[in-house]
C-alpha atoms as a PDB file:
ATOM      1  CA  MET A   1      97.609  77.147  42.074  1.00  0.00           C
ATOM      2  CA  ALA A   2      98.400  79.500  44.975  1.00  0.00           C
ATOM      3  CA  SER A   3     101.895  80.567  45.929  1.00  0.00           C
ATOM      4  CA  SER A   4     104.139  77.963  47.464  1.00  0.00           C
ATOM      5  CA  PRO A   5     104.655  78.157  51.247  1.00  0.00           C
ATOM      6  CA  LEU A   6     108.385  78.050  50.432  1.00  0.00           C
ATOM      7  CA  ASP A   7     108.127  81.572  49.037  1.00  0.00           C
ATOM      8  CA  LEU A   8     106.071  83.346  51.719  1.00  0.00           C
ATOM      9  CA  ALA A   9     108.564  83.758  54.581  1.00  0.00           C
ATOM     10  CA  PRO A  10     111.897  82.318  55.694  1.00  0.00           C
ATOM     11  CA  VAL A  11     110.219  80.466  58.563  1.00  0.00           C
ATOM     12  CA  VAL A  12     106.941  78.543  58.755  1.00  0.00           C
ATOM     13  CA  PRO A  13     105.731  78.177  62.357  1.00  0.00           C
ATOM     14  CA  VAL A  14     104.651  74.607  63.100  1.00  0.00           C
ATOM     15  CA  VAL A  15     101.725  74.972  65.468  1.00  0.00           C
ATOM     16  CA  VAL A  16     100.022  72.451  67.748  1.00  0.00           C
ATOM     17  CA  ILE A  17      96.746  73.927  68.996  1.00  0.00           C
ATOM     18  CA  GLU A  18      94.937  72.291  71.902  1.00  0.00           C
ATOM     19  CA  ASP A  19      92.139  74.874  72.176  1.00  0.00           C
ATOM     20  CA  ALA A  20      90.629  76.304  69.003  1.00  0.00           C
ATOM     21  CA  ALA A  21      89.846  79.520  70.905  1.00  0.00           C
ATOM     22  CA  ASP A  22      93.586  80.259  70.854  1.00  0.00           C
ATOM     23  CA  ALA A  23      93.853  79.947  67.078  1.00  0.00           C
ATOM     24  CA  VAL A  24      92.938  83.482  66.038  1.00  0.00           C
ATOM     25  CA  PRO A  25      95.010  85.438  68.590  1.00  0.00           C
ATOM     26  CA  LEU A  26      97.970  83.119  67.969  1.00  0.00           C
ATOM     27  CA  ALA A  27      97.732  83.545  64.214  1.00  0.00           C
ATOM     28  CA  ARG A  28      97.377  87.318  64.555  1.00  0.00           C
ATOM     29  CA  ALA A  29     100.556  87.427  66.645  1.00  0.00           C
ATOM     30  CA  LEU A  30     102.493  85.387  64.084  1.00  0.00           C
ATOM     31  CA  VAL A  31     101.249  87.477  61.163  1.00  0.00           C
ATOM     32  CA  ALA A  32     102.019  90.708  63.013  1.00  0.00           C
ATOM     33  CA  GLY A  33     105.532  89.385  63.563  1.00  0.00           C
ATOM     34  CA  GLY A  34     105.987  88.793  59.842  1.00  0.00           C
ATOM     35  CA  LEU A  35     105.251  85.069  59.559  1.00  0.00           C
ATOM     36  CA  PRO A  36     102.078  84.732  57.454  1.00  0.00           C
ATOM     37  CA  ALA A  37     102.427  81.030  56.530  1.00  0.00           C
ATOM     38  CA  ILE A  38     101.210  78.993  59.499  1.00  0.00           C
ATOM     39  CA  GLU A  39     101.213  75.198  59.592  1.00  0.00           C
ATOM     40  CA  VAL A  40      98.605  73.842  62.003  1.00  0.00           C
ATOM     41  CA  THR A  41      99.394  70.194  62.650  1.00  0.00           C
ATOM     42  CA  LEU A  42      96.592  67.639  62.710  1.00  0.00           C
ATOM     43  CA  ARG A  43      97.772  66.255  66.024  1.00  0.00           C
ATOM     44  CA  THR A  44      94.897  67.406  68.205  1.00  0.00           C
ATOM     45  CA  PRO A  45      91.100  67.205  68.042  1.00  0.00           C
ATOM     46  CA  ALA A  46      91.029  71.023  67.820  1.00  0.00           C
ATOM     47  CA  ALA A  47      93.195  71.239  64.693  1.00  0.00           C
ATOM     48  CA  LEU A  48      90.507  71.437  62.013  1.00  0.00           C
ATOM     49  CA  ASP A  49      88.467  73.935  64.022  1.00  0.00           C
ATOM     50  CA  ALA A  50      91.654  75.970  64.501  1.00  0.00           C
ATOM     51  CA  ILE A  51      92.335  75.987  60.751  1.00  0.00           C
ATOM     52  CA  ARG A  52      88.761  77.053  60.098  1.00  0.00           C
ATOM     53  CA  ALA A  53      88.985  79.847  62.682  1.00  0.00           C
ATOM     54  CA  ILE A  54      92.245  81.207  61.243  1.00  0.00           C
ATOM     55  CA  ALA A  55      90.964  80.997  57.673  1.00  0.00           C
ATOM     56  CA  ASP A  56      87.815  82.906  58.650  1.00  0.00           C
ATOM     57  CA  GLY A  57      89.266  85.334  61.169  1.00  0.00           C
ATOM     58  CA  VAL A  58      92.793  86.212  60.054  1.00  0.00           C
ATOM     59  CA  PRO A  59      92.678  87.187  56.369  1.00  0.00           C
ATOM     60  CA  ASP A  60      96.397  88.002  56.208  1.00  0.00           C
ATOM     61  CA  ALA A  61      97.360  84.512  57.366  1.00  0.00           C
ATOM     62  CA  VAL A  62      98.084  81.696  54.920  1.00  0.00           C
ATOM     63  CA  VAL A  63      97.028  78.749  57.034  1.00  0.00           C
ATOM     64  CA  GLY A  64      98.040  75.228  56.139  1.00  0.00           C
ATOM     65  CA  ALA A  65      97.565  71.755  57.571  1.00  0.00           C
ATOM     66  CA  GLY A  66     100.502  69.679  58.753  1.00  0.00           C
ATOM     67  CA  THR A  67     100.916  66.020  59.702  1.00  0.00           C
ATOM     68  CA  VAL A  68      98.583  65.146  56.826  1.00  0.00           C
ATOM     69  CA  ILE A  69      98.833  61.391  56.295  1.00  0.00           C
ATOM     70  CA  THR A  70      95.527  60.259  54.738  1.00  0.00           C
ATOM     71  CA  PRO A  71      93.343  61.316  51.798  1.00  0.00           C
ATOM     72  CA  THR A  72      90.508  61.974  54.254  1.00  0.00           C
ATOM     73  CA  GLN A  73      92.680  64.453  56.129  1.00  0.00           C
ATOM     74  CA  VAL A  74      93.486  66.143  52.823  1.00  0.00           C
ATOM     75  CA  GLU A  75      89.778  66.630  52.102  1.00  0.00           C
ATOM     76  CA  GLU A  76      88.929  67.744  55.644  1.00  0.00           C
ATOM     77  CA  SER A  77      91.823  70.204  55.769  1.00  0.00           C
ATOM     78  CA  VAL A  78      90.987  71.888  52.476  1.00  0.00           C
ATOM     79  CA  ALA A  79      87.303  72.010  53.439  1.00  0.00           C
ATOM     80  CA  ALA A  80      88.312  73.753  56.679  1.00  0.00           C
ATOM     81  CA  GLY A  81      90.231  76.396  54.738  1.00  0.00           C
ATOM     82  CA  ALA A  82      93.791  75.076  54.561  1.00  0.00           C
ATOM     83  CA  ARG A  83      95.708  76.793  51.766  1.00  0.00           C
ATOM     84  CA  PHE A  84      98.621  74.352  51.747  1.00  0.00           C
ATOM     85  CA  LEU A  85      99.309  70.818  52.970  1.00  0.00           C
ATOM     86  CA  VAL A  86     102.377  69.297  54.618  1.00  0.00           C
ATOM     87  CA  SER A  87     103.039  65.615  55.259  1.00  0.00           C
ATOM     88  CA  PRO A  88     105.845  63.937  57.228  1.00  0.00           C
ATOM     89  CA  GLY A  89     106.183  61.340  54.453  1.00  0.00           C
ATOM     90  CA  TRP A  90     104.300  60.210  51.380  1.00  0.00           C
ATOM     91  CA  THR A  91     102.753  57.334  49.470  1.00  0.00           C
ATOM     92  CA  ASP A  92     101.339  57.368  45.962  1.00  0.00           C
ATOM     93  CA  VAL A  93      97.800  57.356  47.377  1.00  0.00           C
ATOM     94  CA  LEU A  94      98.490  60.341  49.621  1.00  0.00           C
ATOM     95  CA  LEU A  95     100.395  62.152  46.874  1.00  0.00           C
ATOM     96  CA  GLU A  96      97.508  61.851  44.427  1.00  0.00           C
ATOM     97  CA  ALA A  97      95.056  63.105  47.030  1.00  0.00           C
ATOM     98  CA  MET A  98      97.245  66.128  47.736  1.00  0.00           C
ATOM     99  CA  ARG A  99      97.713  66.787  44.030  1.00  0.00           C
ATOM    100  CA  ALA A 100      93.945  66.593  43.465  1.00  0.00           C
ATOM    101  CA  SER A 101      93.268  69.042  46.306  1.00  0.00           C
ATOM    102  CA  GLY A 102      94.233  72.036  44.182  1.00  0.00           C
ATOM    103  CA  VAL A 103      96.369  73.628  46.916  1.00  0.00           C
ATOM    104  CA  PRO A 104     100.185  73.613  47.223  1.00  0.00           C
ATOM    105  CA  PHE A 105     101.641  70.680  49.131  1.00  0.00           C
ATOM    106  CA  LEU A 106     104.959  69.601  50.615  1.00  0.00           C
ATOM    107  CA  PRO A 107     105.350  65.819  50.855  1.00  0.00           C
ATOM    108  CA  GLY A 108     107.939  64.720  53.365  1.00  0.00           C
ATOM    109  CA  VAL A 109     111.233  63.062  52.432  1.00  0.00           C
ATOM    110  CA  SER A 110     114.339  61.946  54.284  1.00  0.00           C
ATOM    111  CA  THR A 111     116.247  59.917  51.654  1.00  0.00           C
ATOM    112  CA  THR A 112     117.676  60.516  48.201  1.00  0.00           C
ATOM    113  CA  SER A 113     115.481  57.784  46.730  1.00  0.00           C
ATOM    114  CA  GLU A 114     112.339  59.500  48.019  1.00  0.00           C
ATOM    115  CA  VAL A 115     113.463  62.774  46.461  1.00  0.00           C
ATOM    116  CA  VAL A 116     114.136  61.097  43.112  1.00  0.00           C
ATOM    117  CA  ALA A 117     110.764  59.329  43.246  1.00  0.00           C
ATOM    118  CA  LEU A 118     108.959  62.626  43.775  1.00  0.00           C
ATOM    119  CA  LEU A 119     110.903  64.329  40.995  1.00  0.00           C
ATOM    120  CA  GLU A 120     109.887  61.432  38.756  1.00  0.00           C
ATOM    121  CA  ARG A 121     106.270  62.251  39.629  1.00  0.00           C
ATOM    122  CA  GLY A 122     106.682  65.930  38.831  1.00  0.00           C
ATOM    123  CA  VAL A 123     106.980  67.189  42.402  1.00  0.00           C
ATOM    124  CA  ARG A 124     109.867  69.584  43.045  1.00  0.00           C
ATOM    125  CA  GLU A 125     108.988  71.096  46.432  1.00  0.00           C
ATOM    126  CA  MET A 126     109.269  68.919  49.518  1.00  0.00           C
ATOM    127  CA  LYS A 127     109.528  68.869  53.281  1.00  0.00           C
ATOM    128  CA  PHE A 128     112.837  67.455  54.588  1.00  0.00           C
ATOM    129  CA  PHE A 129     111.954  65.686  57.820  1.00  0.00           C
ATOM    130  CA  PRO A 130     113.216  65.015  60.417  1.00  0.00           C
ATOM    131  CA  ALA A 131     115.887  67.454  59.270  1.00  0.00           C
ATOM    132  CA  GLU A 132     118.548  67.220  61.951  1.00  0.00           C
ATOM    133  CA  ALA A 133     118.098  63.491  62.543  1.00  0.00           C
ATOM    134  CA  ALA A 134     118.154  62.783  58.789  1.00  0.00           C
ATOM    135  CA  GLY A 135     121.489  64.479  58.154  1.00  0.00           C
ATOM    136  CA  GLY A 136     120.895  68.199  58.507  1.00  0.00           C
ATOM    137  CA  THR A 137     122.593  70.828  56.399  1.00  0.00           C
ATOM    138  CA  ALA A 138     125.370  68.489  55.283  1.00  0.00           C
ATOM    139  CA  TYR A 139     122.848  66.095  53.767  1.00  0.00           C
ATOM    140  CA  LEU A 140     120.893  68.830  51.976  1.00  0.00           C
ATOM    141  CA  LYS A 141     124.105  70.387  50.683  1.00  0.00           C
ATOM    142  CA  SER A 142     125.111  67.039  49.213  1.00  0.00           C
ATOM    143  CA  LEU A 143     121.751  66.780  47.411  1.00  0.00           C
ATOM    144  CA  ALA A 144     122.077  70.187  45.746  1.00  0.00           C
ATOM    145  CA  GLY A 145     124.688  68.959  43.249  1.00  0.00           C
ATOM    146  CA  PRO A 146     122.957  65.944  41.694  1.00  0.00           C
ATOM    147  CA  LEU A 147     119.379  67.118  42.358  1.00  0.00           C
ATOM    148  CA  PRO A 148     119.378  70.931  41.998  1.00  0.00           C
ATOM    149  CA  GLN A 149     115.749  70.994  40.860  1.00  0.00           C
ATOM    150  CA  ALA A 150     114.476  69.890  44.287  1.00  0.00           C
ATOM    151  CA  ARG A 151     113.595  72.571  46.857  1.00  0.00           C
ATOM    152  CA  PHE A 152     113.059  71.892  50.536  1.00  0.00           C
ATOM    153  CA  CYS A 153     111.451  73.115  53.720  1.00  0.00           C
ATOM    154  CA  PRO A 154     113.563  71.385  56.402  1.00  0.00           C
ATOM    155  CA  THR A 155     111.713  70.772  59.655  1.00  0.00           C
ATOM    156  CA  GLY A 156     112.698  68.942  62.814  1.00  0.00           C
ATOM    157  CA  GLY A 157     115.343  70.063  65.282  1.00  0.00           C
ATOM    158  CA  ILE A 158     115.661  73.535  63.766  1.00  0.00           C
ATOM    159  CA  GLY A 159     115.950  76.651  65.924  1.00  0.00           C
ATOM    160  CA  PRO A 160     117.391  80.151  65.770  1.00  0.00           C
ATOM    161  CA  GLY A 161     120.922  78.799  66.165  1.00  0.00           C
ATOM    162  CA  ASN A 162     120.970  76.579  63.072  1.00  0.00           C
ATOM    163  CA  ALA A 163     118.189  78.060  60.918  1.00  0.00           C
ATOM    164  CA  PRO A 164     120.542  80.519  59.161  1.00  0.00           C
ATOM    165  CA  ALA A 165     122.775  77.654  58.021  1.00  0.00           C
ATOM    166  CA  TYR A 166     119.796  75.908  56.445  1.00  0.00           C
ATOM    167  CA  LEU A 167     118.515  79.105  54.833  1.00  0.00           C
ATOM    168  CA  ALA A 168     121.940  79.725  53.278  1.00  0.00           C
ATOM    169  CA  LEU A 169     121.633  76.543  51.194  1.00  0.00           C
ATOM    170  CA  PRO A 170     120.619  77.018  47.557  1.00  0.00           C
ATOM    171  CA  ASN A 171     117.975  74.274  47.706  1.00  0.00           C
ATOM    172  CA  VAL A 172     116.204  75.529  50.848  1.00  0.00           C
ATOM    173  CA  GLY A 173     113.257  77.894  50.439  1.00  0.00           C
ATOM    174  CA  CYS A 174     112.252  78.135  54.095  1.00  0.00           C
ATOM    175  CA  VAL A 175     112.467  76.194  57.350  1.00  0.00           C
ATOM    176  CA  GLY A 176     109.773  74.958  59.698  1.00  0.00           C
ATOM    177  CA  GLY A 177     110.064  75.346  63.439  1.00  0.00           C
ATOM    178  CA  THR A 178     108.437  75.886  66.793  1.00  0.00           C
ATOM    179  CA  TRP A 179     110.946  78.060  68.624  1.00  0.00           C
ATOM    180  CA  MET A 180     108.756  81.171  68.306  1.00  0.00           C
ATOM    181  CA  LEU A 181     106.041  79.237  70.174  1.00  0.00           C
ATOM    182  CA  PRO A 182     107.538  78.418  73.592  1.00  0.00           C
ATOM    183  CA  PRO A 183     105.197  76.303  75.730  1.00  0.00           C
ATOM    184  CA  ASP A 184     105.202  78.751  78.625  1.00  0.00           C
ATOM    185  CA  ALA A 185     104.159  81.627  76.360  1.00  0.00           C
ATOM    186  CA  LEU A 186     101.368  79.531  74.854  1.00  0.00           C
ATOM    187  CA  ALA A 187     100.185  78.399  78.284  1.00  0.00           C
ATOM    188  CA  ALA A 188     100.088  82.018  79.454  1.00  0.00           C
ATOM    189  CA  ARG A 189      98.560  83.159  76.150  1.00  0.00           C
ATOM    190  CA  ASP A 190     101.376  85.688  75.951  1.00  0.00           C
ATOM    191  CA  TRP A 191     100.749  86.732  72.354  1.00  0.00           C
ATOM    192  CA  THR A 192     103.028  89.763  72.689  1.00  0.00           C
ATOM    193  CA  ARG A 193     105.989  87.480  73.324  1.00  0.00           C
ATOM    194  CA  VAL A 194     104.969  85.220  70.435  1.00  0.00           C
ATOM    195  CA  GLU A 195     104.839  88.235  68.145  1.00  0.00           C
ATOM    196  CA  ALA A 196     108.290  89.375  69.267  1.00  0.00           C
ATOM    197  CA  LEU A 197     109.800  85.925  68.676  1.00  0.00           C
ATOM    198  CA  ALA A 198     108.057  85.727  65.303  1.00  0.00           C
ATOM    199  CA  ARG A 199     109.564  89.075  64.320  1.00  0.00           C
ATOM    200  CA  GLU A 200     113.036  87.781  65.171  1.00  0.00           C
ATOM    201  CA  ALA A 201     112.431  84.653  63.091  1.00  0.00           C
ATOM    202  CA  ALA A 202     111.107  86.701  60.182  1.00  0.00           C
ATOM    203  CA  GLY A 203     114.382  88.607  60.201  1.00  0.00           C
ATOM    204  CA  LEU A 204     116.196  85.490  59.033  1.00  0.00           C
ATOM    205  CA  ARG A 205     116.666  85.820  55.308  1.00  0.00           C
ATOM    206  CA  VAL A 206     117.159  83.272  52.563  1.00  0.00           C
ATOM    207  CA  ARG A 207     120.661  83.789  51.141  1.00  0.00           C
END
C-alpha cells in the first residue's frame, strides 16, 4: 500500500473545487509551496473531474478524496485517480469498501469508542473530526496515554494559530485545513498567493 497521507507533509489542504479547470493550477501552487498531499472533497459536482485532472496533470501531487461516505464514492474516487481516502465518519460497510480499495484511508472519529472500534478492526490511522468542536488538543492529548497506537489527522477549526499545538502532540501525524486557500484568492485565481500560504503551512513541523 502507498505511503500514508499522515507522513507526506505536516498539513493536508482540504480543497473544495467548484470548477475542474482550476484543479491543476491550484494543485501546482500547493505542491510548489511544499504541500503535496491534497484532499479534494466530494462536495461539488466538479470533484471527481478535479481529482482526475490533478492525477493526470500534476505528477508530484498525491491527490486524495475527502468527504467519502459511500462505497460508490470509494470506487469512483479511486477510478478517478485518488491515492488516499478520507471520511468524516465511518460504518463497517464504508470501512470495508475503503479497505478493499487498496489505497490508504483515514476514517473519521470524534469519540474514544470510535477509536477503540477502529483499533479492534486493525485500523490505526484516523481523521479526528470536527477537531476543535470535538475537544481539540486537550482531547487528543488525553487519548495518547491509553491509546498510543492510534495516529490522527485532526481537521476542523484548525488554522495557523493552533496548528502547531496539534502537531506537537505525539499521536498527530498531520493536520487538515483550508487556511492556505482563502476564498478571495481562489475567486481571483491568485495561485501565487496560494503558493505563498502553502509554503508557510509547510514550514510547520511535526515535533
